[in-house]
Amino acid sequence: MSQKTVSDLINKYENLLVMRSLSKSFALAGLRLGYGIGNEKLIDYLYRGTQIFPVNRLALVAGIAALEDLDYTYSNIKQVCIERENLSQS
């Protein structure tokens, strides 16, 4: 996890789309759930070309639950960073 982002530039660059996954940090790898961040015009354009319900119900419920418990997620991220550092020192 790099903890760096360019999402604050979405309104400066009309064609910038930042894609995020809930796979690793939120422990939802098998559900293939994520989101995109972009300026309103770009998101509207992309939305017109998508399916109405492209996310299955299980992934949606799990994603909502994960986003409602960010303390747990941040704890997991911290632990992964610690373990990554331990592995790199081995």
PDB file of N, CA and C in Angstrom:
ATOM      1  N   MET A   1       0.840  -1.165   0.000  1.00  0.00           N
ATOM      2  CA  MET A   1       0.000   0.000   0.000  1.00  0.00           C
ATOM      3  C   MET A   1       0.888   1.231   0.000  1.00  0.00           C
ATOM      4  N   SER A   2       0.789   2.032  -1.021  1.00  0.00           N
ATOM      5  CA  SER A   2       1.680   3.182  -1.149  1.00  0.00           C
ATOM      6  C   SER A   2       1.211   4.378  -0.339  1.00  0.00           C
ATOM      7  N   GLN A   3      -0.059   4.459  -0.043  1.00  0.00           N
ATOM      8  CA  GLN A   3      -0.664   5.567   0.682  1.00  0.00           C
ATOM      9  C   GLN A   3      -0.442   6.897  -0.026  1.00  0.00           C
ATOM     10  N   LYS A   4      -0.268   6.851  -1.336  1.00  0.00           N
ATOM     11  CA  LYS A   4      -0.163   8.050  -2.161  1.00  0.00           C
ATOM     12  C   LYS A   4      -1.331   8.039  -3.132  1.00  0.00           C
ATOM     13  N   THR A   5      -1.808   9.216  -3.508  1.00  0.00           N
ATOM     14  CA  THR A   5      -2.941   9.291  -4.414  1.00  0.00           C
ATOM     15  C   THR A   5      -2.837  10.536  -5.296  1.00  0.00           C
ATOM     16  N   VAL A   6      -3.483  10.460  -6.415  1.00  0.00           N
ATOM     17  CA  VAL A   6      -3.609  11.622  -7.297  1.00  0.00           C
ATOM     18  C   VAL A   6      -5.078  12.023  -7.418  1.00  0.00           C
ATOM     19  N   SER A   7      -5.917  11.462  -6.541  1.00  0.00           N
ATOM     20  CA  SER A   7      -7.353  11.730  -6.639  1.00  0.00           C
ATOM     21  C   SER A   7      -7.693  13.206  -6.437  1.00  0.00           C
ATOM     22  N   ASP A   8      -6.821  13.962  -5.787  1.00  0.00           N
ATOM     23  CA  ASP A   8      -7.081  15.398  -5.622  1.00  0.00           C
ATOM     24  C   ASP A   8      -6.906  16.174  -6.928  1.00  0.00           C
ATOM     25  N   LEU A   9      -6.433  15.505  -7.975  1.00  0.00           N
ATOM     26  CA  LEU A   9      -6.237  16.166  -9.275  1.00  0.00           C
ATOM     27  C   LEU A   9      -7.388  15.936 -10.255  1.00  0.00           C
ATOM     28  N   ILE A  10      -8.454  15.257  -9.825  1.00  0.00           N
ATOM     29  CA  ILE A  10      -9.524  14.892 -10.764  1.00  0.00           C
ATOM     30  C   ILE A  10     -10.234  16.097 -11.361  1.00  0.00           C
ATOM     31  N   ASN A  11     -10.320  17.181 -10.634  1.00  0.00           N
ATOM     32  CA  ASN A  11     -10.986  18.362 -11.190  1.00  0.00           C
ATOM     33  C   ASN A  11     -10.041  19.218 -12.033  1.00  0.00           C
ATOM     34  N   LYS A  12      -8.758  18.978 -11.907  1.00  0.00           N
ATOM     35  CA  LYS A  12      -7.771  19.708 -12.716  1.00  0.00           C
ATOM     36  C   LYS A  12      -7.624  19.073 -14.098  1.00  0.00           C
ATOM     37  N   TYR A  13      -7.732  17.737 -14.163  1.00  0.00           N
ATOM     38  CA  TYR A  13      -7.571  17.013 -15.422  1.00  0.00           C
ATOM     39  C   TYR A  13      -8.866  16.281 -15.758  1.00  0.00           C
ATOM     40  N   GLU A  14      -9.572  16.726 -16.790  1.00  0.00           N
ATOM     41  CA  GLU A  14     -10.869  16.168 -17.160  1.00  0.00           C
ATOM     42  C   GLU A  14     -10.818  14.674 -17.478  1.00  0.00           C
ATOM     43  N   ASN A  15      -9.680  14.190 -17.964  1.00  0.00           N
ATOM     44  CA  ASN A  15      -9.591  12.796 -18.399  1.00  0.00           C
ATOM     45  C   ASN A  15      -8.975  11.875 -17.347  1.00  0.00           C
ATOM     46  N   LEU A  16      -8.788  12.359 -16.119  1.00  0.00           N
ATOM     47  CA  LEU A  16      -8.188  11.543 -15.069  1.00  0.00           C
ATOM     48  C   LEU A  16      -9.250  10.704 -14.371  1.00  0.00           C
ATOM     49  N   LEU A  17      -9.028   9.408 -14.361  1.00  0.00           N
ATOM     50  CA  LEU A  17      -9.906   8.471 -13.660  1.00  0.00           C
ATOM     51  C   LEU A  17      -9.035   7.635 -12.726  1.00  0.00           C
ATOM     52  N   VAL A  18      -9.299   7.722 -11.435  1.00  0.00           N
ATOM     53  CA  VAL A  18      -8.547   6.968 -10.438  1.00  0.00           C
ATOM     54  C   VAL A  18      -9.378   5.749 -10.059  1.00  0.00           C
ATOM     55  N   MET A  19      -8.815   4.570 -10.247  1.00  0.00           N
ATOM     56  CA  MET A  19      -9.516   3.329  -9.936  1.00  0.00           C
ATOM     57  C   MET A  19      -8.994   2.779  -8.618  1.00  0.00           C
ATOM     58  N   ARG A  20      -9.900   2.344  -7.782  1.00  0.00           N
ATOM     59  CA  ARG A  20      -9.535   1.767  -6.496  1.00  0.00           C
ATOM     60  C   ARG A  20     -10.189   0.402  -6.351  1.00  0.00           C
ATOM     61  N   SER A  21      -9.526  -0.470  -5.642  1.00  0.00           N
ATOM     62  CA  SER A  21     -10.036  -1.817  -5.393  1.00  0.00           C
ATOM     63  C   SER A  21     -10.215  -2.007  -3.891  1.00  0.00           C
ATOM     64  N   LEU A  22     -11.220  -2.760  -3.517  1.00  0.00           N
ATOM     65  CA  LEU A  22     -11.412  -3.102  -2.112  1.00  0.00           C
ATOM     66  C   LEU A  22     -10.843  -4.487  -1.827  1.00  0.00           C
ATOM     67  N   SER A  23     -10.058  -5.001  -2.757  1.00  0.00           N
ATOM     68  CA  SER A  23      -9.558  -6.371  -2.668  1.00  0.00           C
ATOM     69  C   SER A  23      -8.676  -6.628  -1.460  1.00  0.00           C
ATOM     70  N   LYS A  24      -7.555  -5.959  -1.371  1.00  0.00           N
ATOM     71  CA  LYS A  24      -6.576  -6.290  -0.340  1.00  0.00           C
ATOM     72  C   LYS A  24      -6.836  -5.570   0.974  1.00  0.00           C
ATOM     73  N   SER A  25      -6.923  -4.259   0.948  1.00  0.00           N
ATOM     74  CA  SER A  25      -7.080  -3.494   2.181  1.00  0.00           C
ATOM     75  C   SER A  25      -8.352  -3.848   2.931  1.00  0.00           C
ATOM     76  N   PHE A  26      -9.395  -4.150   2.188  1.00  0.00           N
ATOM     77  CA  PHE A  26     -10.673  -4.455   2.812  1.00  0.00           C
ATOM     78  C   PHE A  26     -10.948  -5.958   2.871  1.00  0.00           C
ATOM     79  N   ALA A  27      -9.962  -6.764   2.470  1.00  0.00           N
ATOM     80  CA  ALA A  27     -10.069  -8.230   2.507  1.00  0.00           C
ATOM     81  C   ALA A  27     -11.266  -8.745   1.719  1.00  0.00           C
ATOM     82  N   LEU A  28     -11.484  -8.188   0.534  1.00  0.00           N
ATOM     83  CA  LEU A  28     -12.612  -8.591  -0.311  1.00  0.00           C
ATOM     84  C   LEU A  28     -12.134  -9.070  -1.679  1.00  0.00           C
ATOM     85  N   ALA A  29     -10.981  -9.726  -1.731  1.00  0.00           N
ATOM     86  CA  ALA A  29     -10.358 -10.095  -3.002  1.00  0.00           C
ATOM     87  C   ALA A  29     -11.252 -10.925  -3.910  1.00  0.00           C
ATOM     88  N   GLY A  30     -11.963 -11.878  -3.378  1.00  0.00           N
ATOM     89  CA  GLY A  30     -12.776 -12.755  -4.210  1.00  0.00           C
ATOM     90  C   GLY A  30     -14.033 -12.107  -4.752  1.00  0.00           C
ATOM     91  N   LEU A  31     -14.381 -10.941  -4.248  1.00  0.00           N
ATOM     92  CA  LEU A  31     -15.643 -10.305  -4.649  1.00  0.00           C
ATOM     93  C   LEU A  31     -15.502  -9.323  -5.809  1.00  0.00           C
ATOM     94  N   ARG A  32     -14.281  -8.994  -6.174  1.00  0.00           N
ATOM     95  CA  ARG A  32     -14.019  -8.087  -7.293  1.00  0.00           C
ATOM     96  C   ARG A  32     -14.835  -6.800  -7.182  1.00  0.00           C
ATOM     97  N   LEU A  33     -14.575  -6.077  -6.123  1.00  0.00           N
ATOM     98  CA  LEU A  33     -15.313  -4.855  -5.841  1.00  0.00           C
ATOM     99  C   LEU A  33     -14.354  -3.676  -5.800  1.00  0.00           C
ATOM    100  N   GLY A  34     -14.752  -2.602  -6.414  1.00  0.00           N
ATOM    101  CA  GLY A  34     -13.933  -1.404  -6.418  1.00  0.00           C
ATOM    102  C   GLY A  34     -14.755  -0.211  -6.852  1.00  0.00           C
ATOM    103  N   TYR A  35     -14.074   0.906  -7.079  1.00  0.00           N
ATOM    104  CA  TYR A  35     -14.768   2.125  -7.488  1.00  0.00           C
ATOM    105  C   TYR A  35     -13.820   3.023  -8.264  1.00  0.00           C
ATOM    106  N   GLY A  36     -14.392   3.998  -8.925  1.00  0.00           N
ATOM    107  CA  GLY A  36     -13.606   4.960  -9.679  1.00  0.00           C
ATOM    108  C   GLY A  36     -13.878   6.362  -9.187  1.00  0.00           C
ATOM    109  N   ILE A  37     -12.861   7.201  -9.246  1.00  0.00           N
ATOM    110  CA  ILE A  37     -12.985   8.604  -8.858  1.00  0.00           C
ATOM    111  C   ILE A  37     -12.602   9.440 -10.072  1.00  0.00           C
ATOM    112  N   GLY A  38     -13.473  10.348 -10.455  1.00  0.00           N
ATOM    113  CA  GLY A  38     -13.197  11.227 -11.581  1.00  0.00           C
ATOM    114  C   GLY A  38     -14.066  12.456 -11.490  1.00  0.00           C
ATOM    115  N   ASN A  39     -13.855  13.393 -12.393  1.00  0.00           N
ATOM    116  CA  ASN A  39     -14.716  14.572 -12.337  1.00  0.00           C
ATOM    117  C   ASN A  39     -16.129  14.192 -12.795  1.00  0.00           C
ATOM    118  N   GLU A  40     -17.073  15.007 -12.436  1.00  0.00           N
ATOM    119  CA  GLU A  40     -18.485  14.681 -12.645  1.00  0.00           C
ATOM    120  C   GLU A  40     -18.818  14.397 -14.107  1.00  0.00           C
ATOM    121  N   LYS A  41     -18.249  15.147 -15.012  1.00  0.00           N
ATOM    122  CA  LYS A  41     -18.522  14.961 -16.446  1.00  0.00           C
ATOM    123  C   LYS A  41     -18.027  13.596 -16.931  1.00  0.00           C
ATOM    124  N   LEU A  42     -16.829  13.205 -16.527  1.00  0.00           N
ATOM    125  CA  LEU A  42     -16.263  11.923 -16.925  1.00  0.00           C
ATOM    126  C   LEU A  42     -17.065  10.766 -16.339  1.00  0.00           C
ATOM    127  N   ILE A  43     -17.417  10.855 -15.067  1.00  0.00           N
ATOM    128  CA  ILE A  43     -18.196   9.785 -14.426  1.00  0.00           C
ATOM    129  C   ILE A  43     -19.557   9.648 -15.097  1.00  0.00           C
ATOM    130  N   ASP A  44     -20.191  10.756 -15.418  1.00  0.00           N
ATOM    131  CA  ASP A  44     -21.479  10.712 -16.102  1.00  0.00           C
ATOM    132  C   ASP A  44     -21.353  10.016 -17.454  1.00  0.00           C
ATOM    133  N   TYR A  45     -20.312  10.328 -18.180  1.00  0.00           N
ATOM    134  CA  TYR A  45     -20.071   9.700 -19.482  1.00  0.00           C
ATOM    135  C   TYR A  45     -19.877   8.192 -19.342  1.00  0.00           C
ATOM    136  N   LEU A  46     -19.092   7.774 -18.375  1.00  0.00           N
ATOM    137  CA  LEU A  46     -18.851   6.345 -18.152  1.00  0.00           C
ATOM    138  C   LEU A  46     -20.110   5.630 -17.656  1.00  0.00           C
ATOM    139  N   TYR A  47     -20.862   6.299 -16.807  1.00  0.00           N
ATOM    140  CA  TYR A  47     -22.073   5.693 -16.252  1.00  0.00           C
ATOM    141  C   TYR A  47     -23.079   5.346 -17.348  1.00  0.00           C
ATOM    142  N   ARG A  48     -23.163   6.168 -18.362  1.00  0.00           N
ATOM    143  CA  ARG A  48     -24.107   5.913 -19.457  1.00  0.00           C
ATOM    144  C   ARG A  48     -23.787   4.637 -20.220  1.00  0.00           C
ATOM    145  N   GLY A  49     -22.557   4.174 -20.155  1.00  0.00           N
ATOM    146  CA  GLY A  49     -22.167   2.970 -20.875  1.00  0.00           C
ATOM    147  C   GLY A  49     -22.085   1.722 -20.021  1.00  0.00           C
ATOM    148  N   THR A  50     -22.534   1.791 -18.773  1.00  0.00           N
ATOM    149  CA  THR A  50     -22.423   0.632 -17.892  1.00  0.00           C
ATOM    150  C   THR A  50     -23.763  -0.059 -17.694  1.00  0.00           C
ATOM    151  N   GLN A  51     -23.706  -1.245 -17.125  1.00  0.00           N
ATOM    152  CA  GLN A  51     -24.920  -1.967 -16.761  1.00  0.00           C
ATOM    153  C   GLN A  51     -25.568  -1.280 -15.564  1.00  0.00           C
ATOM    154  N   ILE A  52     -26.848  -1.513 -15.388  1.00  0.00           N
ATOM    155  CA  ILE A  52     -27.550  -0.886 -14.277  1.00  0.00           C
ATOM    156  C   ILE A  52     -27.091  -1.458 -12.939  1.00  0.00           C
ATOM    157  N   PHE A  53     -26.934  -2.787 -12.844  1.00  0.00           N
ATOM    158  CA  PHE A  53     -26.512  -3.425 -11.602  1.00  0.00           C
ATOM    159  C   PHE A  53     -25.294  -4.311 -11.866  1.00  0.00           C
ATOM    160  N   PRO A  54     -24.109  -3.706 -12.092  1.00  0.00           N
ATOM    161  CA  PRO A  54     -22.938  -4.506 -12.441  1.00  0.00           C
ATOM    162  C   PRO A  54     -22.280  -5.219 -11.261  1.00  0.00           C
ATOM    163  N   VAL A  55     -22.717  -4.964 -10.025  1.00  0.00           N
ATOM    164  CA  VAL A  55     -22.115  -5.572  -8.840  1.00  0.00           C
ATOM    165  C   VAL A  55     -23.115  -6.545  -8.225  1.00  0.00           C
ATOM    166  N   ASN A  56     -22.659  -7.765  -7.932  1.00  0.00           N
ATOM    167  CA  ASN A  56     -23.589  -8.724  -7.333  1.00  0.00           C
ATOM    168  C   ASN A  56     -23.927  -8.340  -5.894  1.00  0.00           C
ATOM    169  N   ARG A  57     -25.028  -8.863  -5.412  1.00  0.00           N
ATOM    170  CA  ARG A  57     -25.562  -8.476  -4.095  1.00  0.00           C
ATOM    171  C   ARG A  57     -24.599  -8.797  -2.949  1.00  0.00           C
ATOM    172  N   LEU A  58     -23.957  -9.951  -2.983  1.00  0.00           N
ATOM    173  CA  LEU A  58     -23.018 -10.318  -1.925  1.00  0.00           C
ATOM    174  C   LEU A  58     -21.865  -9.310  -1.848  1.00  0.00           C
ATOM    175  N   ALA A  59     -21.306  -8.961  -2.988  1.00  0.00           N
ATOM    176  CA  ALA A  59     -20.205  -7.990  -3.017  1.00  0.00           C
ATOM    177  C   ALA A  59     -20.674  -6.635  -2.498  1.00  0.00           C
ATOM    178  N   LEU A  60     -21.869  -6.239  -2.867  1.00  0.00           N
ATOM    179  CA  LEU A  60     -22.403  -4.952  -2.430  1.00  0.00           C
ATOM    180  C   LEU A  60     -22.585  -4.913  -0.911  1.00  0.00           C
ATOM    181  N   VAL A  61     -23.175  -5.955  -0.341  1.00  0.00           N
ATOM    182  CA  VAL A  61     -23.378  -6.016   1.109  1.00  0.00           C
ATOM    183  C   VAL A  61     -22.035  -6.038   1.839  1.00  0.00           C
ATOM    184  N   ALA A  62     -21.093  -6.838   1.354  1.00  0.00           N
ATOM    185  CA  ALA A  62     -19.768  -6.921   1.976  1.00  0.00           C
ATOM    186  C   ALA A  62     -19.032  -5.587   1.873  1.00  0.00           C
ATOM    187  N   GLY A  63     -19.146  -4.919   0.742  1.00  0.00           N
ATOM    188  CA  GLY A  63     -18.494  -3.625   0.559  1.00  0.00           C
ATOM    189  C   GLY A  63     -19.036  -2.576   1.507  1.00  0.00           C
ATOM    190  N   ILE A  64     -20.341  -2.536   1.666  1.00  0.00           N
ATOM    191  CA  ILE A  64     -20.957  -1.583   2.594  1.00  0.00           C
ATOM    192  C   ILE A  64     -20.499  -1.863   4.016  1.00  0.00           C
ATOM    193  N   ALA A  65     -20.509  -3.134   4.408  1.00  0.00           N
ATOM    194  CA  ALA A  65     -20.058  -3.501   5.758  1.00  0.00           C
ATOM    195  C   ALA A  65     -18.601  -3.105   5.975  1.00  0.00           C
ATOM    196  N   ALA A  66     -17.765  -3.339   4.977  1.00  0.00           N
ATOM    197  CA  ALA A  66     -16.340  -2.989   5.094  1.00  0.00           C
ATOM    198  C   ALA A  66     -16.155  -1.483   5.236  1.00  0.00           C
ATOM    199  N   LEU A  67     -16.894  -0.709   4.470  1.00  0.00           N
ATOM    200  CA  LEU A  67     -16.763   0.746   4.528  1.00  0.00           C
ATOM    201  C   LEU A  67     -17.328   1.323   5.825  1.00  0.00           C
ATOM    202  N   GLU A  68     -18.218   0.586   6.471  1.00  0.00           N
ATOM    203  CA  GLU A  68     -18.776   1.052   7.740  1.00  0.00           C
ATOM    204  C   GLU A  68     -17.852   0.753   8.917  1.00  0.00           C
ATOM    205  N   ASP A  69     -16.821  -0.070   8.720  1.00  0.00           N
ATOM    206  CA  ASP A  69     -15.900  -0.425   9.794  1.00  0.00           C
ATOM    207  C   ASP A  69     -14.464  -0.090   9.388  1.00  0.00           C
ATOM    208  N   LEU A  70     -14.208   1.188   9.189  1.00  0.00           N
ATOM    209  CA  LEU A  70     -12.887   1.615   8.713  1.00  0.00           C
ATOM    210  C   LEU A  70     -11.797   1.407   9.758  1.00  0.00           C
ATOM    211  N   ASP A  71     -12.146   1.406  11.040  1.00  0.00           N
ATOM    212  CA  ASP A  71     -11.135   1.144  12.073  1.00  0.00           C
ATOM    213  C   ASP A  71     -10.507  -0.229  11.865  1.00  0.00           C
ATOM    214  N   TYR A  72     -11.341  -1.221  11.566  1.00  0.00           N
ATOM    215  CA  TYR A  72     -10.848  -2.569  11.305  1.00  0.00           C
ATOM    216  C   TYR A  72      -9.948  -2.581  10.068  1.00  0.00           C
ATOM    217  N   THR A  73     -10.368  -1.900   9.034  1.00  0.00           N
ATOM    218  CA  THR A  73      -9.588  -1.845   7.796  1.00  0.00           C
ATOM    219  C   THR A  73      -8.238  -1.183   8.035  1.00  0.00           C
ATOM    220  N   TYR A  74      -8.224  -0.060   8.736  1.00  0.00           N
ATOM    221  CA  TYR A  74      -6.965   0.634   9.003  1.00  0.00           C
ATOM    222  C   TYR A  74      -6.041  -0.221   9.864  1.00  0.00           C
ATOM    223  N   SER A  75      -6.621  -0.974  10.782  1.00  0.00           N
ATOM    224  CA  SER A  75      -5.833  -1.897  11.594  1.00  0.00           C
ATOM    225  C   SER A  75      -5.183  -2.971  10.717  1.00  0.00           C
ATOM    226  N   ASN A  76      -5.951  -3.509   9.764  1.00  0.00           N
ATOM    227  CA  ASN A  76      -5.402  -4.502   8.831  1.00  0.00           C
ATOM    228  C   ASN A  76      -4.286  -3.916   7.990  1.00  0.00           C
ATOM    229  N   ILE A  77      -4.486  -2.723   7.490  1.00  0.00           N
ATOM    230  CA  ILE A  77      -3.466  -2.074   6.663  1.00  0.00           C
ATOM    231  C   ILE A  77      -2.186  -1.875   7.463  1.00  0.00           C
ATOM    232  N   LYS A  78      -2.323  -1.417   8.700  1.00  0.00           N
ATOM    233  CA  LYS A  78      -1.158  -1.216   9.561  1.00  0.00           C
ATOM    234  C   LYS A  78      -0.416  -2.532   9.773  1.00  0.00           C
ATOM    235  N   GLN A  79      -1.168  -3.611  10.017  1.00  0.00           N
ATOM    236  CA  GLN A  79      -0.548  -4.916  10.245  1.00  0.00           C
ATOM    237  C   GLN A  79       0.169  -5.413   8.994  1.00  0.00           C
ATOM    238  N   VAL A  80      -0.439  -5.210   7.821  1.00  0.00           N
ATOM    239  CA  VAL A  80       0.199  -5.618   6.569  1.00  0.00           C
ATOM    240  C   VAL A  80       1.504  -4.850   6.367  1.00  0.00           C
ATOM    241  N   CYS A  81       1.510  -3.564   6.672  1.00  0.00           N
ATOM    242  CA  CYS A  81       2.732  -2.769   6.534  1.00  0.00           C
ATOM    243  C   CYS A  81       3.825  -3.261   7.483  1.00  0.00           C
ATOM    244  N   ILE A  82       3.438  -3.610   8.693  1.00  0.00           N
ATOM    245  CA  ILE A  82       4.404  -4.150   9.665  1.00  0.00           C
ATOM    246  C   ILE A  82       4.977  -5.467   9.164  1.00  0.00           C
ATOM    247  N   GLU A  83       4.115  -6.359   8.709  1.00  0.00           N
ATOM    248  CA  GLU A  83       4.569  -7.666   8.227  1.00  0.00           C
ATOM    249  C   GLU A  83       5.421  -7.527   6.956  1.00  0.00           C
ATOM    250  N   ARG A  84       5.080  -6.591   6.109  1.00  0.00           N
ATOM    251  CA  ARG A  84       5.882  -6.354   4.902  1.00  0.00           C
ATOM    252  C   ARG A  84       7.283  -5.926   5.298  1.00  0.00           C
ATOM    253  N   GLU A  85       7.385  -5.050   6.289  1.00  0.00           N
ATOM    254  CA  GLU A  85       8.689  -4.604   6.762  1.00  0.00           C
ATOM    255  C   GLU A  85       9.460  -5.765   7.380  1.00  0.00           C
ATOM    256  N   ASN A  86       8.777  -6.611   8.161  1.00  0.00           N
ATOM    257  CA  ASN A  86       9.428  -7.777   8.759  1.00  0.00           C
ATOM    258  C   ASN A  86       9.961  -8.718   7.676  1.00  0.00           C
ATOM    259  N   LEU A  87       9.193  -8.953   6.639  1.00  0.00           N
ATOM    260  CA  LEU A  87       9.629  -9.823   5.554  1.00  0.00           C
ATOM    261  C   LEU A  87      10.821  -9.245   4.801  1.00  0.00           C
ATOM    262  N   SER A  88      10.830  -7.949   4.617  1.00  0.00           N
ATOM    263  CA  SER A  88      11.939  -7.341   3.876  1.00  0.00           C
ATOM    264  C   SER A  88      13.237  -7.375   4.657  1.00  0.00           C
ATOM    265  N   GLN A  89      13.154  -7.510   5.976  1.00  0.00           N
ATOM    266  CA  GLN A  89      14.348  -7.577   6.812  1.00  0.00           C
ATOM    267  C   GLN A  89      14.859  -9.003   6.987  1.00  0.00           C
ATOM    268  N   SER A  90      14.079  -9.971   6.567  1.00  0.00           N
ATOM    269  CA  SER A  90      14.481 -11.378   6.731  1.00  0.00           C
ATOM    270  C   SER A  90      15.543 -11.773   5.744  1.00  0.00           C
TER     271      SER A  90
END
